[in-house]
Amino acid sequence: MPIQQVLNDSSKPVKVFTNDLDDAAAKQLRNVAALPFVHHHVAAMPDVHWGLGATIGSVIPTLGAIVPAAVGVDIGCGMNALRLSLRADQLPDNLAGLRAQIERDVPVGFAGHRDNHWCDEGLARVAPGLKPIQDKHPLINARWQSQLGSLGGGNHFIELCLDESNQVWIMLHSGSRGIGNRIGQYFIEKAKREMERWHIQLPDQNLAYLPEGSELFDDYVEAVGWAQDYALENRRQMIRLILEALRHQVQLGALPAFEVTDAAIECHHNYVAREHHFGKDVLLTRKGAIRARAGDLGIIPGSMGARSYIVRGLGEPESFCSCAHGAGRRMSRGEAKRRFTRDDLENQTRGVECRKDKGVIDEIPGAYKDIDSVMANQTDLVEVLHTLKQVVTVKG
């Protein structure tokens, strides 16, 4: 569906691809659109909801400045997916063993690998880029070597899914782990201090920005680029570990031998990139949105009890060639914990081999928007190639 509403009461309009927009998110969108360096308009995707500073599900083109909080603290967070030669009827009747094997082989939650150099090949690809950043900003330090190839917690997940032809897919969602969080927090605070130093008043202090041409801007661009590369490598290493976990199950006789039948689809949804839109070369921040240029392949997950989608972008200019990154939260984690019970979680994830304890109630499907409604609101942005339904979900 095309744009469903336009907020015109800021210096730049906000074009919204849904009618499901609450007051808090609308206020944030107006605040962002009022920033003097925003170019042309701000776009809000169908999964739009309140976030820190900038709304999750927003796409923000800027000229000469970056808002670090708009990029967020899970820099480079995104999705990977690939299809296997396995079919649904080749999976074991009881999927608990598959889930347990993946949980043994891929650290989840706060955990990382015991050996800081467990994957020297992966570390060699990302380590050199961090050293000059840390030499200049030694406070940017967190456990990152051992966290390469680990999932994290919250809404991050690993899933085994079935498509419309009952083929098995691996799908995962994760980001730049502790080091990305540290980079994000560090530069958000630096930007806030710069606003104080220049006596710049903002409608929300989390919209503090770094102007192009400043040393901090250059440092942030370097650091955020590194974190995006680290997040991508992190997901690639997890894919390798998941494949190894499944092949171990082949050795045990739980699965037949299989092959990867399609190259991995990879997409960030929390990042900034230099792109050309509406006549200008801009810094485009996608916070909870994926790139959907004509022909781009993307992944749009539902919640842990709902469908997910493999899509191809249509290159819609008004969305800055972007689309939703998922279902989007309908309520906060705290509200979800107050509203739902373990029985609710059991009922809403029936048929999925996953955690069903109180520790993941905040991830219950009922806490998220309806993914089918989100998809119906972006038929101008993407076309659906595959519809996936998870049978195994791993969460931290």
Foldseek 3Di string as FASTA:
>chain_A
DAFDDWDDPAPAIETELAPPADPQLVVLLRQLQNPPFWPRYKYAFLQWDDDQSHIFRIKTWGDFKDQLCLLNLQQQWWKKKFFKPDFQVQFFPDCLLLQVLLCVQAPAALDFAPDLCPDVPLCVVQVVLCVVLCVVVVQLDDSQSRRQQHFHFDQWKWFWKQWPRRTTMIMTIHGLPPSSNSLSVVLQVVLLVVCVVVVPDGPHSSRRMDGPPDPSVVSSVSSSVSRSVSGQSSVVSNVVSSVVSVVVCCVVVSGPDMDTDDDMQIWGQRHWDFDDAPHDTTTMGGRQKTAAAAQRWGKEEEALQDKIFIKHWPHDRVSVRIHGRYQHFPDALVVQLVPDDLVQQCVSNPQAAEDSDSVCSSRRNVRTHDRVVSVVSQPVTIDTDIMIGGRYMYRD
